[in-house]
C-alpha atoms as a PDB file:
ATOM      1  CA  GLN A   1      10.807  16.174   5.503  1.00  0.00           C
ATOM      2  CA  VAL A   2       9.442  12.890   4.198  1.00  0.00           C
ATOM      3  CA  GLN A   3       5.695  12.653   3.829  1.00  0.00           C
ATOM      4  CA  LEU A   4       3.435   9.940   2.418  1.00  0.00           C
ATOM      5  CA  VAL A   5      -0.274  10.386   1.794  1.00  0.00           C
ATOM      6  CA  GLU A   6      -2.694   7.572   1.003  1.00  0.00           C
ATOM      7  CA  SER A   7      -5.948   8.045  -0.860  1.00  0.00           C
ATOM      8  CA  GLY A   8      -8.549   6.010  -2.702  1.00  0.00           C
ATOM      9  CA  GLY A   9     -10.246   4.125   0.101  1.00  0.00           C
ATOM     10  CA  GLY A  10     -13.991   3.866   0.341  1.00  0.00           C
ATOM     11  CA  PHE A  11     -17.057   1.765   0.993  1.00  0.00           C
ATOM     12  CA  VAL A  12     -17.684  -0.967  -1.563  1.00  0.00           C
ATOM     13  CA  GLN A  13     -19.530  -4.243  -1.942  1.00  0.00           C
ATOM     14  CA  PRO A  14     -17.791  -7.613  -2.082  1.00  0.00           C
ATOM     15  CA  GLY A  15     -16.381  -8.305  -5.512  1.00  0.00           C
ATOM     16  CA  SER A  16     -15.757  -4.631  -6.224  1.00  0.00           C
ATOM     17  CA  SER A  17     -12.433  -2.960  -6.930  1.00  0.00           C
ATOM     18  CA  LEU A  18     -10.545  -0.022  -5.483  1.00  0.00           C
ATOM     19  CA  ARG A  19      -7.260   1.582  -6.383  1.00  0.00           C
ATOM     20  CA  LEU A  20      -5.265   3.073  -3.548  1.00  0.00           C
ATOM     21  CA  SER A  21      -2.643   5.729  -4.153  1.00  0.00           C
ATOM     22  CA  CYS A  22       0.447   6.552  -2.135  1.00  0.00           C
ATOM     23  CA  THR A  23       1.918   9.909  -3.057  1.00  0.00           C
ATOM     24  CA  ALA A  24       5.200  11.222  -1.720  1.00  0.00           C
ATOM     25  CA  SER A  25       6.350  14.710  -0.916  1.00  0.00           C
ATOM     26  CA  GLY A  26       9.719  15.768   0.395  1.00  0.00           C
ATOM     27  CA  PHE A  27      11.573  12.996  -1.420  1.00  0.00           C
ATOM     28  CA  THR A  28      11.739  11.243  -4.762  1.00  0.00           C
ATOM     29  CA  LEU A  29       9.545   8.185  -4.500  1.00  0.00           C
ATOM     30  CA  GLY A  30      11.489   6.333  -7.172  1.00  0.00           C
ATOM     31  CA  ASP A  31      14.490   6.117  -4.850  1.00  0.00           C
ATOM     32  CA  TYR A  32      12.584   4.084  -2.254  1.00  0.00           C
ATOM     33  CA  PRO A  33      10.720   0.828  -2.020  1.00  0.00           C
ATOM     34  CA  ILE A  34       7.149   1.294  -0.853  1.00  0.00           C
ATOM     35  CA  GLY A  35       5.234  -1.118   1.325  1.00  0.00           C
ATOM     36  CA  TRP A  36       1.499  -1.416   1.833  1.00  0.00           C
ATOM     37  CA  PHE A  37       0.156  -2.477   5.210  1.00  0.00           C
ATOM     38  CA  ARG A  38      -3.279  -2.796   6.712  1.00  0.00           C
ATOM     39  CA  GLN A  39      -4.753  -2.956  10.176  1.00  0.00           C
ATOM     40  CA  ALA A  40      -8.244  -4.098  11.073  1.00  0.00           C
ATOM     41  CA  PRO A  41      -9.846  -3.350  14.442  1.00  0.00           C
ATOM     42  CA  GLY A  42      -8.477  -5.630  17.133  1.00  0.00           C
ATOM     43  CA  LYS A  43      -5.804  -7.085  14.868  1.00  0.00           C
ATOM     44  CA  GLU A  44      -2.101  -6.571  14.390  1.00  0.00           C
ATOM     45  CA  ARG A  45      -0.862  -4.528  11.480  1.00  0.00           C
ATOM     46  CA  GLU A  46      -0.242  -6.804   8.513  1.00  0.00           C
ATOM     47  CA  GLY A  47       2.093  -6.419   5.575  1.00  0.00           C
ATOM     48  CA  VAL A  48       0.114  -6.587   2.335  1.00  0.00           C
ATOM     49  CA  SER A  49       2.498  -5.792  -0.486  1.00  0.00           C
ATOM     50  CA  CYS A  50       5.767  -4.115  -1.346  1.00  0.00           C
ATOM     51  CA  ILE A  51       7.483  -2.883  -4.487  1.00  0.00           C
ATOM     52  CA  ASN A  52      11.225  -2.355  -4.634  1.00  0.00           C
ATOM     53  CA  SER A  53      12.765   0.741  -6.136  1.00  0.00           C
ATOM     54  CA  ARG A  54      15.500  -0.595  -8.394  1.00  0.00           C
ATOM     55  CA  ASP A  55      14.108  -3.664 -10.124  1.00  0.00           C
ATOM     56  CA  ARG A  56      10.436  -3.131  -9.203  1.00  0.00           C
ATOM     57  CA  SER A  57      10.200  -6.630  -7.815  1.00  0.00           C
ATOM     58  CA  THR A  58       7.007  -7.115  -5.840  1.00  0.00           C
ATOM     59  CA  PHE A  59       5.802  -9.068  -2.838  1.00  0.00           C
ATOM     60  CA  TYR A  60       2.322  -9.989  -1.656  1.00  0.00           C
ATOM     61  CA  THR A  61       0.900 -11.669   1.373  1.00  0.00           C
ATOM     62  CA  ASP A  62      -0.815 -14.936   0.498  1.00  0.00           C
ATOM     63  CA  SER A  63      -4.321 -13.702   1.223  1.00  0.00           C
ATOM     64  CA  VAL A  64      -4.196 -11.084  -1.557  1.00  0.00           C
ATOM     65  CA  LYS A  65      -2.187 -12.874  -4.238  1.00  0.00           C
ATOM     66  CA  GLY A  66      -4.036 -12.891  -7.529  1.00  0.00           C
ATOM     67  CA  ARG A  67      -6.332 -10.077  -6.419  1.00  0.00           C
ATOM     68  CA  PHE A  68      -4.053  -7.143  -5.555  1.00  0.00           C
ATOM     69  CA  THR A  69      -1.384  -5.577  -7.753  1.00  0.00           C
ATOM     70  CA  VAL A  70       1.171  -2.997  -6.661  1.00  0.00           C
ATOM     71  CA  SER A  71       2.782  -0.704  -9.216  1.00  0.00           C
ATOM     72  CA  ARG A  72       4.617   2.574  -9.353  1.00  0.00           C
ATOM     73  CA  VAL A  73       4.591   5.573 -11.637  1.00  0.00           C
ATOM     74  CA  ASN A  74       7.716   7.422 -10.671  1.00  0.00           C
ATOM     75  CA  ALA A  75       6.920  10.431 -12.852  1.00  0.00           C
ATOM     76  CA  GLU A  76       3.842  10.962 -10.674  1.00  0.00           C
ATOM     77  CA  ASN A  77       5.747  10.250  -7.439  1.00  0.00           C
ATOM     78  CA  THR A  78       3.047   7.701  -6.732  1.00  0.00           C
ATOM     79  CA  VAL A  79       2.686   4.016  -5.924  1.00  0.00           C
ATOM     80  CA  TYR A  80      -0.649   2.329  -6.541  1.00  0.00           C
ATOM     81  CA  LEU A  81      -2.330  -0.676  -5.007  1.00  0.00           C
ATOM     82  CA  GLN A  82      -4.996  -2.066  -7.308  1.00  0.00           C
ATOM     83  CA  MET A  83      -7.397  -4.182  -5.273  1.00  0.00           C
ATOM     84  CA  ASN A  84      -9.792  -6.452  -7.155  1.00  0.00           C
ATOM     85  CA  GLU A  85     -12.335  -9.007  -5.991  1.00  0.00           C
ATOM     86  CA  LEU A  86     -12.514  -7.362  -2.615  1.00  0.00           C
ATOM     87  CA  LYS A  87     -13.745  -9.409   0.315  1.00  0.00           C
ATOM     88  CA  PRO A  88     -15.147  -8.347   3.687  1.00  0.00           C
ATOM     89  CA  GLU A  89     -11.921  -9.677   5.217  1.00  0.00           C
ATOM     90  CA  ASP A  90     -10.047  -6.923   3.360  1.00  0.00           C
ATOM     91  CA  THR A  91     -11.729  -4.285   5.515  1.00  0.00           C
ATOM     92  CA  ALA A  92      -9.001  -2.314   7.269  1.00  0.00           C
ATOM     93  CA  VAL A  93      -7.110   0.930   7.358  1.00  0.00           C
ATOM     94  CA  TYR A  94      -4.457   0.747   4.650  1.00  0.00           C
ATOM     95  CA  TYR A  95      -1.096   2.451   5.057  1.00  0.00           C
ATOM     96  CA  CYS A  96       1.850   2.975   2.781  1.00  0.00           C
ATOM     97  CA  ALA A  97       5.344   3.214   4.178  1.00  0.00           C
ATOM     98  CA  ALA A  98       8.962   3.676   3.164  1.00  0.00           C
ATOM     99  CA  PRO A  99      12.238   2.554   4.734  1.00  0.00           C
ATOM    100  CA  ARG A 100      15.235   4.787   5.223  1.00  0.00           C
ATOM    101  CA  ARG A 101      17.225   5.718   2.153  1.00  0.00           C
ATOM    102  CA  GLY A 102      19.119   2.722   0.837  1.00  0.00           C
ATOM    103  CA  GLY A 103      16.635   0.207   2.184  1.00  0.00           C
ATOM    104  CA  ASN A 104      14.593  -2.419   0.406  1.00  0.00           C
ATOM    105  CA  CYS A 105      11.379  -4.329   0.978  1.00  0.00           C
ATOM    106  CA  GLN A 106      13.078  -6.355   3.704  1.00  0.00           C
ATOM    107  CA  SER A 107      14.140  -3.240   5.642  1.00  0.00           C
ATOM    108  CA  ASP A 108      12.360  -1.665   8.577  1.00  0.00           C
ATOM    109  CA  PHE A 109       9.853   0.963   7.496  1.00  0.00           C
ATOM    110  CA  ALA A 110      10.498   4.376   8.989  1.00  0.00           C
ATOM    111  CA  SER A 111       8.042   6.731   7.266  1.00  0.00           C
ATOM    112  CA  TRP A 112       4.304   6.121   7.322  1.00  0.00           C
ATOM    113  CA  GLY A 113       1.233   7.739   5.888  1.00  0.00           C
ATOM    114  CA  GLN A 114      -1.910   8.452   7.870  1.00  0.00           C
ATOM    115  CA  GLY A 115      -3.906   5.647   6.299  1.00  0.00           C
ATOM    116  CA  THR A 116      -7.041   5.338   4.210  1.00  0.00           C
ATOM    117  CA  GLN A 117     -10.110   3.350   5.243  1.00  0.00           C
ATOM    118  CA  VAL A 118     -11.290   0.468   3.085  1.00  0.00           C
ATOM    119  CA  THR A 119     -14.638  -1.056   4.010  1.00  0.00           C
ATOM    120  CA  VAL A 120     -16.032  -4.040   2.105  1.00  0.00           C
ATOM    121  CA  SER A 121     -19.572  -4.928   3.071  1.00  0.00           C
ATOM    122  CA  SER A 122     -22.876  -5.918   1.525  1.00  0.00           C
END
């Protein structure tokens, strides 16, 4: 079975940093692109970032460009989302997800983690 687990969320003040982790079990993470999504209360789920598996090309939604960085350490079976200069608007549940084997960052995402809460407030 394919399983993704997010960790690293927390409660921080504006301007702080967090690093989220997405760790895979049941498959080799390096064979898949990994997307990061977030959903705030009352809002639609939003794509935040994605990193492809083969060339490690990355994508970011405009609101996080220059502040968030996605990376992967395949030996750890983990993808990270480094979040700097956090704003209250970043408050959401953050999810990582993977498409089916052979997919890329433009594919539909079929496997999802349970999410980790990020709260940014003063």
